[in-house]
Protein backbone atom coordinates (compact mmCIF):
# COMPACT_ATOMS: atom_id res chain seq x y z
CA MET A 1 -12.54 -29.08 -16.95
CA ASN A 2 -9.11 -29.21 -18.34
CA PHE A 3 -6.58 -27.12 -17.61
CA ASP A 4 -3.68 -29.47 -18.80
CA HIS A 5 -2.71 -27.38 -21.98
CA VAL A 6 -1.88 -24.37 -19.31
CA SER A 7 1.12 -23.44 -17.40
CA LEU A 8 -0.40 -22.83 -13.94
CA GLU A 9 2.53 -22.70 -11.99
CA GLN A 10 3.85 -19.89 -14.32
CA LEU A 11 0.05 -18.55 -14.64
CA GLY A 12 0.36 -18.75 -10.35
CA GLN A 13 3.82 -16.83 -10.48
CA GLU A 14 2.97 -13.73 -12.38
CA MET A 15 -0.23 -13.37 -10.51
CA ILE A 16 1.81 -13.39 -7.80
CA GLN A 17 3.73 -10.62 -9.31
CA LEU A 18 0.84 -8.54 -9.93
CA ARG A 19 -0.34 -8.88 -6.21
CA ARG A 20 3.36 -7.65 -5.52
CA ASP A 21 2.39 -4.48 -7.73
CA PHE A 22 -1.21 -4.09 -6.38
CA HIS A 23 0.55 -3.86 -2.90
CA LYS A 24 3.08 -1.91 -3.37
CA HIS A 25 0.55 0.98 -5.00
CA PRO A 26 -2.50 0.58 -2.62
CA GLU A 27 -5.34 2.74 -3.55
CA SER A 28 -8.59 3.01 -1.00
CA GLY A 29 -12.11 3.59 -2.17
CA TRP A 30 -13.20 5.17 -5.15
CA THR A 31 -9.35 5.94 -5.90
CA GLU A 32 -8.07 2.71 -7.38
CA PHE A 33 -7.52 4.85 -10.89
CA ARG A 34 -3.38 2.61 -11.04
CA THR A 35 -5.09 -0.44 -10.13
CA THR A 36 -7.67 -0.63 -12.38
CA ALA A 37 -6.02 0.99 -15.18
CA ARG A 38 -3.33 -1.98 -14.55
CA ILE A 39 -6.29 -4.46 -14.44
CA ILE A 40 -7.99 -3.22 -17.83
CA ASP A 41 -4.63 -3.30 -19.23
CA GLU A 42 -4.14 -7.01 -18.15
CA LEU A 43 -7.44 -7.79 -20.11
CA GLU A 44 -7.04 -6.08 -23.62
CA LYS A 45 -3.83 -8.07 -23.71
CA LEU A 46 -6.09 -11.07 -23.77
CA GLY A 47 -8.66 -9.45 -26.45
CA LEU A 48 -11.10 -8.82 -23.77
CA THR A 49 -13.60 -6.13 -24.19
CA VAL A 50 -13.73 -4.51 -20.67
CA GLN A 51 -16.45 -1.51 -19.80
CA TYR A 52 -15.05 1.28 -17.24
CA GLY A 53 -15.58 4.78 -16.20
CA PRO A 54 -19.21 6.52 -15.71
CA SER A 55 -21.19 4.14 -17.96
CA ILE A 56 -20.75 1.12 -15.39
CA HIS A 57 -21.65 3.58 -12.43
CA VAL A 58 -24.99 5.07 -11.05
CA ARG A 59 -23.25 8.42 -9.48
CA GLU A 60 -26.13 8.69 -7.45
CA LYS A 61 -25.17 5.39 -5.78
CA MET A 62 -21.47 6.17 -5.27
CA PHE A 63 -21.78 6.36 -1.69
CA GLY A 64 -18.80 8.06 0.53
CA LEU A 65 -17.05 9.37 -2.23
CA PRO A 66 -13.66 11.37 -1.17
CA LYS A 67 -13.78 15.13 -0.81
CA GLU A 68 -12.70 16.59 -4.33
CA ASP A 69 -9.39 17.14 -3.07
CA VAL A 70 -8.47 14.44 -1.98
CA LEU A 71 -9.75 12.37 -5.50
CA GLU A 72 -8.02 15.02 -7.49
CA ALA A 73 -4.50 13.94 -5.95
CA CYS A 74 -5.24 10.59 -5.63
CA TRP A 75 -5.92 11.10 -9.47
CA GLN A 76 -2.68 13.23 -9.87
CA ARG A 77 -0.60 10.74 -8.59
CA ALA A 78 -2.00 7.45 -10.75
CA MET A 79 -1.44 9.59 -13.54
CA SER A 80 1.97 10.12 -12.38
CA GLU A 81 2.26 6.26 -11.58
CA THR A 82 1.13 4.48 -14.95
CA GLY A 83 1.89 4.36 -18.56
CA ARG A 84 -1.89 4.39 -19.57
CA PRO A 85 -2.93 7.88 -18.49
CA ASP A 86 -6.03 7.72 -20.86
CA LEU A 87 -7.56 5.02 -18.84
CA VAL A 88 -7.19 6.86 -15.82
CA GLU A 89 -8.15 9.97 -17.61
CA ALA A 90 -11.24 8.20 -17.97
CA MET A 91 -12.01 7.53 -14.88
CA LYS A 92 -11.44 11.17 -13.36
CA GLY A 93 -14.33 11.90 -10.71
CA GLY A 94 -13.96 8.55 -8.77
CA TYR A 95 -15.39 5.93 -11.35
CA THR A 96 -13.01 3.59 -10.50
CA GLY A 97 -13.26 -0.48 -11.19
CA CYS A 98 -14.03 -2.16 -14.57
CA LEU A 99 -16.13 -5.21 -15.64
CA THR A 100 -16.04 -7.52 -18.98
CA VAL A 101 -17.69 -11.12 -19.98
CA ILE A 102 -15.75 -13.90 -21.19
CA GLU A 103 -18.05 -15.40 -23.72
CA GLY A 104 -17.60 -19.40 -23.94
CA ALA A 105 -18.05 -21.50 -27.23
CA LEU A 106 -21.28 -22.78 -26.44
CA PRO A 107 -24.80 -21.48 -25.24
CA GLY A 108 -24.96 -21.65 -21.43
CA PRO A 109 -25.79 -19.99 -17.88
CA THR A 110 -24.39 -16.60 -16.91
CA VAL A 111 -21.90 -17.12 -13.98
CA GLY A 112 -20.57 -13.88 -12.24
CA ILE A 113 -17.57 -13.43 -10.27
CA ARG A 114 -16.59 -10.66 -8.19
CA VAL A 115 -13.19 -9.73 -6.55
CA ASP A 116 -12.53 -6.35 -4.94
CA ILE A 117 -9.94 -4.41 -5.03
CA ASP A 118 -9.49 -1.02 -2.83
CA CYS A 119 -7.14 -1.18 0.15
CA ASN A 120 -7.22 -0.19 3.27
CA ASP A 121 -6.68 3.55 5.50
CA VAL A 122 -3.92 1.92 7.27
CA GLU A 123 -0.09 2.53 7.54
CA GLU A 124 1.74 -0.12 6.92
CA ALA A 125 4.72 -1.62 9.62
CA ASP A 126 8.00 -0.86 8.23
CA ASP A 127 9.93 -3.78 9.36
CA PRO A 128 12.49 -6.03 7.97
CA LYS A 129 10.48 -8.92 9.74
CA HIS A 130 7.67 -7.96 7.53
CA PRO A 131 7.37 -9.81 4.30
CA PRO A 132 6.52 -6.66 1.97
CA CYS A 133 9.40 -5.17 3.44
CA ALA A 134 11.90 -7.70 3.20
CA LEU A 135 10.73 -8.63 -0.43
CA GLY A 136 10.61 -5.12 -1.23
CA PHE A 137 6.96 -4.49 -1.96
CA ARG A 138 5.91 -2.62 1.13
CA SER A 139 3.35 -0.07 0.41
CA THR A 140 4.82 3.29 -1.48
CA HIS A 141 1.57 5.56 -0.37
CA PRO A 142 1.37 7.15 2.99
CA LYS A 143 -1.76 5.57 4.88
CA CYS A 144 -2.52 3.43 2.49
CA MET A 145 -2.28 -0.59 2.65
CA HIS A 146 -3.70 -3.73 1.56
CA ALA A 147 -4.30 -5.15 5.08
CA CYS A 148 -7.32 -7.03 3.74
CA GLY A 149 -5.80 -9.04 1.38
CA HIS A 150 -7.69 -7.17 -1.71
CA ASP A 151 -4.14 -7.09 -3.73
CA ALA A 152 -4.98 -10.91 -4.01
CA HIS A 153 -8.39 -10.71 -4.78
CA GLY A 154 -7.59 -8.28 -7.72
CA ALA A 155 -4.59 -10.67 -8.74
CA ILE A 156 -6.71 -13.76 -8.27
CA GLY A 157 -9.64 -11.94 -10.92
CA VAL A 158 -7.04 -11.21 -13.72
CA GLY A 159 -5.77 -14.80 -12.99
CA VAL A 160 -9.61 -16.00 -13.53
CA ALA A 161 -10.12 -14.23 -17.06
CA LYS A 162 -6.43 -15.43 -18.19
CA LEU A 163 -7.26 -19.08 -17.32
CA LEU A 164 -10.73 -18.95 -18.70
CA CYS A 165 -9.96 -17.14 -22.20
CA ALA A 166 -7.55 -19.90 -22.44
CA CYS A 167 -10.39 -22.37 -22.18
CA LYS A 168 -13.19 -20.94 -24.02
CA ASP A 169 -13.72 -24.54 -26.02
CA GLN A 170 -14.45 -26.19 -22.53
CA LEU A 171 -17.03 -22.86 -21.21
CA ARG A 172 -20.68 -22.98 -22.01
CA GLY A 173 -22.38 -19.62 -21.31
CA ARG A 174 -20.38 -16.32 -20.14
CA VAL A 175 -18.59 -15.08 -17.46
CA LEU A 176 -19.12 -11.41 -15.91
CA LEU A 177 -15.79 -10.81 -13.94
CA VAL A 178 -16.02 -7.71 -11.91
CA PHE A 179 -13.35 -5.87 -10.44
CA GLN A 180 -15.27 -3.40 -7.60
CA PRO A 181 -14.16 -0.33 -5.86
CA GLY A 182 -14.72 0.38 -2.52
CA GLU A 183 -16.03 -2.43 -0.64
CA GLU A 184 -14.41 -1.24 2.68
CA GLY A 185 -16.84 1.25 4.03
CA LEU A 186 -19.52 -0.89 1.97
CA ARG A 187 -19.41 1.99 -0.28
CA GLY A 188 -19.16 0.42 -3.99
CA ALA A 189 -21.27 -2.21 -5.00
CA ALA A 190 -24.66 -0.03 -5.00
CA SER A 191 -23.37 1.78 -7.67
CA LEU A 192 -22.80 -0.86 -9.89
CA THR A 193 -26.22 -3.22 -8.70
CA ALA A 194 -28.31 -0.16 -9.42
CA ALA A 195 -26.55 -0.26 -13.19
CA GLY A 196 -28.12 -3.11 -13.50
CA HIS A 197 -24.87 -5.38 -14.63
CA PHE A 198 -25.84 -8.47 -12.24
CA SER A 199 -29.59 -9.27 -13.28
CA GLN A 200 -28.77 -12.28 -15.77
CA CYS A 201 -26.68 -13.68 -13.58
CA ASP A 202 -27.67 -17.38 -13.15
CA TYR A 203 -24.75 -18.03 -10.34
CA PHE A 204 -22.88 -15.67 -8.58
CA PHE A 205 -19.40 -15.78 -6.66
CA GLY A 206 -17.57 -13.95 -4.77
CA GLY A 207 -14.46 -14.71 -2.59
CA HIS A 208 -12.23 -13.88 0.17
CA VAL A 209 -8.85 -15.13 1.50
CA GLY A 210 -8.39 -15.51 4.95
CA LEU A 211 -11.12 -14.04 7.32
CA LEU A 212 -10.72 -16.76 9.90
CA ASP A 213 -7.72 -17.83 11.76
CA GLY A 214 -6.57 -21.33 11.81
CA LEU A 215 -7.51 -22.43 8.56
CA GLY A 216 -4.57 -23.44 5.98
CA VAL A 217 -4.00 -23.11 2.60
CA GLY A 218 -6.31 -25.86 0.94
CA THR A 219 -9.27 -25.38 3.28
CA VAL A 220 -12.27 -23.86 1.36
CA ALA A 221 -15.73 -23.08 3.02
CA ALA A 222 -18.20 -23.24 0.53
CA GLY A 223 -20.73 -21.14 2.08
CA GLY A 224 -21.61 -19.35 5.65
CA HIS A 225 -23.72 -17.33 7.18
CA GLY A 226 -23.21 -14.73 9.62
CA PHE A 227 -23.14 -11.60 7.20
CA LEU A 228 -23.34 -8.51 9.62
CA ALA A 229 -26.42 -5.65 8.23
CA SER A 230 -24.22 -2.54 8.35
CA THR A 231 -24.60 1.28 8.20
CA LYS A 232 -22.09 3.65 7.87
CA PHE A 233 -22.95 7.31 8.36
CA ASP A 234 -21.14 10.62 9.48
CA ALA A 235 -22.37 12.92 12.24
CA MET A 236 -21.64 16.72 11.98
CA PHE A 237 -22.41 18.77 15.24
CA HIS A 238 -22.05 22.56 14.70
CA GLY A 239 -21.81 25.04 17.27
CA VAL A 240 -20.74 28.83 17.70
CA PRO A 241 -17.42 29.81 18.17
CA SER A 242 -16.36 32.56 20.97
CA HIS A 243 -13.32 33.26 22.92
CA ALA A 244 -12.91 30.13 25.80
CA GLY A 245 -11.77 32.95 28.50
CA ALA A 246 -13.50 36.03 27.42
CA ALA A 247 -17.12 35.06 26.60
CA PRO A 248 -17.18 30.81 26.93
CA GLU A 249 -21.08 31.71 27.28
CA GLN A 250 -21.38 33.05 23.87
CA GLY A 251 -20.17 29.56 22.33
CA ARG A 252 -21.83 26.53 21.67
CA ASN A 253 -19.50 23.60 22.14
CA ALA A 254 -19.85 20.81 19.13
CA LEU A 255 -16.80 18.99 20.40
CA ALA A 256 -18.35 18.48 23.73
CA ALA A 257 -21.53 17.61 21.87
CA ALA A 258 -19.85 15.09 19.96
CA ALA A 259 -17.74 13.71 22.87
CA MET A 260 -21.31 13.02 24.86
CA ALA A 261 -23.05 11.79 22.07
CA THR A 262 -19.72 9.45 21.36
CA LEU A 263 -19.89 7.91 25.04
CA GLY A 264 -23.69 7.45 25.18
CA MET A 265 -23.51 5.58 21.34
CA LEU A 266 -21.05 3.19 23.05
CA SER A 267 -23.79 2.88 26.11
CA ILE A 268 -26.42 1.49 23.85
CA SER A 269 -28.31 -1.28 25.06
CA ARG A 270 -27.51 -4.25 23.10
CA HIS A 271 -30.53 -6.08 21.52
CA HIS A 272 -31.30 -9.79 22.90
CA ASP A 273 -32.56 -11.11 19.62
CA GLY A 274 -28.95 -11.04 17.95
CA ALA A 275 -25.33 -9.66 17.53
CA SER A 276 -25.37 -5.95 17.62
CA ARG A 277 -22.41 -3.54 17.72
CA ILE A 278 -21.28 -0.07 16.91
CA ASN A 279 -18.36 1.53 16.56
CA VAL A 280 -17.21 5.43 16.61
CA GLY A 281 -14.43 5.09 14.52
CA THR A 282 -12.91 8.82 14.14
CA PHE A 283 -13.57 12.09 16.08
CA HIS A 284 -12.31 15.30 14.30
CA GLY A 285 -13.25 18.94 16.40
CA GLY A 286 -12.15 22.20 17.24
CA THR A 287 -9.87 24.81 15.60
CA GLY A 288 -7.63 26.20 18.39
CA ARG A 289 -6.86 25.72 22.24
CA ASN A 290 -8.50 28.89 23.16
CA VAL A 291 -11.52 29.05 21.17
CA ILE A 292 -15.20 27.30 21.97
CA PRO A 293 -15.41 24.22 19.29
CA ALA A 294 -17.82 25.18 16.87
CA GLU A 295 -17.49 22.03 14.72
CA ALA A 296 -17.05 18.34 15.17
CA GLU A 297 -17.38 15.34 13.00
CA LEU A 298 -17.51 11.81 13.99
CA THR A 299 -17.42 8.78 11.69
CA ILE A 300 -19.99 6.13 13.13
CA GLU A 301 -21.01 2.24 12.39
CA THR A 302 -23.59 0.30 13.55
CA ARG A 303 -24.19 -3.63 12.63
CA GLY A 304 -26.57 -6.55 13.26
CA SER A 305 -27.33 -9.85 12.81
CA THR A 306 -30.33 -9.26 11.07
CA THR A 307 -31.58 -6.19 9.44
CA ALA A 308 -33.99 -4.94 12.02
CA ILE A 309 -31.18 -5.36 14.65
CA ASN A 310 -28.93 -2.91 12.86
CA GLU A 311 -31.30 -0.57 11.95
CA TYR A 312 -32.07 -0.37 15.84
CA MET A 313 -28.57 0.21 16.66
CA GLU A 314 -28.72 2.85 13.65
CA SER A 315 -31.91 4.70 15.08
CA GLU A 316 -30.66 4.54 18.63
CA ALA A 317 -27.40 6.29 17.06
CA ARG A 318 -29.13 9.10 15.89
CA ARG A 319 -31.32 9.57 18.95
CA VAL A 320 -28.54 9.78 21.08
CA CYS A 321 -26.64 12.26 18.66
CA GLN A 322 -29.62 14.57 18.39
CA ALA A 323 -30.04 14.29 22.45
CA ALA A 324 -26.58 15.70 22.84
CA ALA A 325 -26.49 17.88 20.38
CA ASP A 326 -30.02 19.64 21.99
CA MET A 327 -28.07 19.36 24.89
CA TYR A 328 -24.92 21.84 23.69
CA GLY A 329 -27.51 23.95 22.04
CA CYS A 330 -25.71 22.52 18.38
CA THR A 331 -27.36 21.08 15.37
CA PHE A 332 -26.66 17.96 13.95
CA GLU A 333 -26.53 16.02 10.68
CA THR A 334 -25.59 13.47 9.16
CA ARG A 335 -24.15 12.15 5.84
CA PHE A 336 -24.94 8.55 4.69
CA MET A 337 -21.36 7.04 3.43
CA GLY A 338 -22.52 3.03 2.73
CA SER A 339 -24.68 -0.18 3.88
CA ALA A 340 -24.94 -3.67 3.50
CA GLY A 341 -27.35 -6.30 4.40
CA CYS A 342 -27.46 -10.16 5.59
CA ILE A 343 -27.77 -12.98 3.24
CA VAL A 344 -28.20 -16.67 2.58
CA CYS A 345 -26.07 -18.39 0.66
CA ASP A 346 -28.16 -20.67 -1.62
CA GLU A 347 -28.20 -24.27 -0.79
CA PRO A 348 -28.08 -26.04 -4.08
CA LEU A 349 -25.08 -23.87 -5.04
CA VAL A 350 -23.34 -24.98 -2.30
CA ASP A 351 -23.85 -28.57 -2.66
CA ARG A 352 -22.37 -27.97 -6.52
CA THR A 353 -19.73 -25.64 -5.24
CA ILE A 354 -18.85 -28.38 -2.81
CA GLU A 355 -18.63 -30.99 -5.79
CA VAL A 356 -16.47 -29.15 -7.84
CA LEU A 357 -14.33 -28.75 -4.87
CA SER A 358 -14.13 -31.98 -3.40
CA GLN A 359 -12.58 -32.81 -7.53
CA MET A 360 -9.72 -30.26 -7.24
CA ASP A 361 -5.73 -30.98 -6.10
CA GLY A 362 -4.98 -28.66 -3.85
CA VAL A 363 -8.37 -28.78 -1.94
CA ALA A 364 -7.49 -30.30 1.40
CA LYS A 365 -10.53 -29.70 3.35
CA ILE A 366 -14.03 -28.50 2.55
CA LEU A 367 -16.24 -26.61 5.04
CA ARG A 368 -19.90 -26.01 4.29
CA ASP A 369 -21.08 -23.34 6.50
CA ILE A 370 -18.82 -21.35 8.37
CA ASP A 371 -19.65 -17.55 10.65
CA PHE A 372 -18.58 -14.30 8.59
CA GLY A 373 -19.28 -12.47 11.49
CA GLY A 374 -18.61 -9.43 10.01
CA GLY A 375 -20.27 -7.27 6.71
CA GLU A 376 -19.26 -7.48 3.16
CA ASP A 377 -20.38 -5.12 0.36
CA VAL A 378 -20.74 -8.20 -1.94
CA THR A 379 -23.99 -8.94 -0.26
CA THR A 380 -25.95 -5.99 -2.44
CA MET A 381 -24.80 -7.94 -5.07
CA MET A 382 -25.74 -11.23 -3.73
CA ARG A 383 -29.15 -10.02 -2.86
CA ASP A 384 -29.76 -8.29 -6.21
CA VAL A 385 -29.16 -12.03 -8.14
CA GLN A 386 -31.56 -13.77 -5.98
CA GLU A 387 -33.97 -10.96 -6.61
CA HIS A 388 -33.87 -11.93 -10.40
CA GLY A 389 -33.93 -15.61 -9.81
CA GLY A 390 -30.31 -16.25 -9.74
CA GLN A 391 -27.81 -18.64 -7.01
CA VAL A 392 -25.15 -17.15 -4.87
CA VAL A 393 -22.05 -18.38 -2.76
CA GLU A 394 -19.45 -16.46 -1.06
CA LEU A 395 -16.15 -18.75 -0.67
CA VAL A 396 -13.75 -17.64 1.84
CA PHE A 397 -10.21 -19.43 0.87
CA GLY A 398 -8.38 -20.34 4.04
CA MET A 399 -4.71 -18.98 4.65
CA PRO A 400 -2.38 -18.75 7.75
CA LEU A 401 -2.69 -15.15 9.27
CA ALA A 402 0.67 -13.46 10.03
CA ALA A 403 -1.78 -10.78 11.29
CA PRO A 404 -5.49 -9.93 11.38
CA HIS A 405 -6.81 -8.33 8.60
CA HIS A 406 -6.75 -4.49 8.72
CA ASN A 407 -3.44 -5.05 10.74
CA ASP A 408 -0.26 -3.29 9.66
CA TYR A 409 1.49 -6.47 9.43
CA PHE A 410 -1.03 -8.51 7.73
CA ASP A 411 0.33 -10.11 4.66
CA VAL A 412 -1.33 -13.15 2.18
CA ASP A 413 -0.06 -16.52 2.20
CA GLU A 414 0.53 -16.34 -2.01
CA ARG A 415 -0.20 -19.82 -2.32
CA VAL A 416 -3.75 -19.11 -2.06
CA ILE A 417 -3.59 -17.28 -5.12
CA PRO A 418 -2.82 -19.83 -7.61
CA LEU A 419 -5.37 -22.24 -5.96
CA SER A 420 -7.95 -19.58 -5.71
CA ILE A 421 -8.13 -18.92 -9.42
CA ARG A 422 -8.42 -22.94 -10.41
CA ILE A 423 -11.36 -22.63 -8.01
CA PHE A 424 -12.98 -19.84 -9.53
CA ALA A 425 -12.80 -21.18 -12.64
CA ALA A 426 -13.53 -24.52 -12.36
CA LEU A 427 -17.20 -23.28 -10.91
CA ALA A 428 -17.40 -21.15 -14.27
CA LEU A 429 -16.65 -24.16 -16.46
CA THR A 430 -18.94 -26.74 -14.51
CA ALA A 431 -21.96 -24.36 -14.60
CA GLY A 432 -22.69 -25.43 -18.00
CA ASP A 433 -23.76 -28.89 -16.70
CA TRP A 434 -25.47 -27.71 -13.86
CA ASN A 435 -28.32 -25.97 -16.12
CA LYS A 436 -28.69 -29.61 -18.10
CA GLN A 437 -29.58 -31.51 -14.94
């Protein structure tokens, strides 16, 4: 591949500014209206046809949608923040995210590249020592923050599109670029996958900035293991309200049942076959100090190093919740919110990725195998690609961490953005040679 005719420094600076724009206007899963509109606008300027809105999703697989009032408020906010209300209008109801195909000059394989674009439900630190504050791009949306690097991912994806469009004469085959909504909570990949977008991919790449502390910019992991299978669900406890002083015996305390369930779930025996996790993230219940609580709700996630271990943790969690509801005379139900499974990167594609990385300026160190130690929604797409005969790799682009992921002081070392753009583009441009081998 030859990038000599492209001003890589200018491209990098433009995408850094785009990342800061995303960071300043973060949007959580299924509400990425403004973010998606900005991405579509950038892609259309390149002459690309972009797919977006209901046509790219399967509604029944859009897990963990926010409540209607939240969706409406976020949609209205986006309408006021964008110069493309036509695009935001087309996404009403949560149909966020987009994808585009870049056609090369010559026949060849189909390469998929996925980036995620949603933020975390975190209030960003308001501290002059925090670079987004000092440089004027701290989040303007309450309790929303790009605390995981997805702002950089979105900018990287747009940068890849720009670079590949400038190199179409070198591109053999086609590149499917996917800007995924709702990664946090493992919600967005199922809808896009069910729509069949990835079944024709010969090679498929995901990527994430940071993740592991101690890795500098220029260190790249070309594959790994340790994706934890995970299930996200809400547990709703329904009791009977009554006066807490005059007639407590007439009530059925849903909050007490939820509290018992919380303690019980955190006490579930761990599995001897591998890593097992459970977390109760939020607890909401009750209406007043002198009222027996009739409703309580928990948000729960289970994880396991294998699908079987995660299924064990989930089954035990549901059993504990049911027992706690029975103990307090309450009823209990769950709401599925998202999931992802385990995946193994394909060794032949790892080998080819390392070959490309070894020839790239700016790549100082290559790691073949790292332990991800967490869930990633991209695994749903990757599994679909593998089931249709394709090969997959998840990259990690190293960078120093000012604070852990999902922390209110998290920030991106922006030097990782131009390097990641070149890596993705180089892999796509080289893939045409692999099909000849």
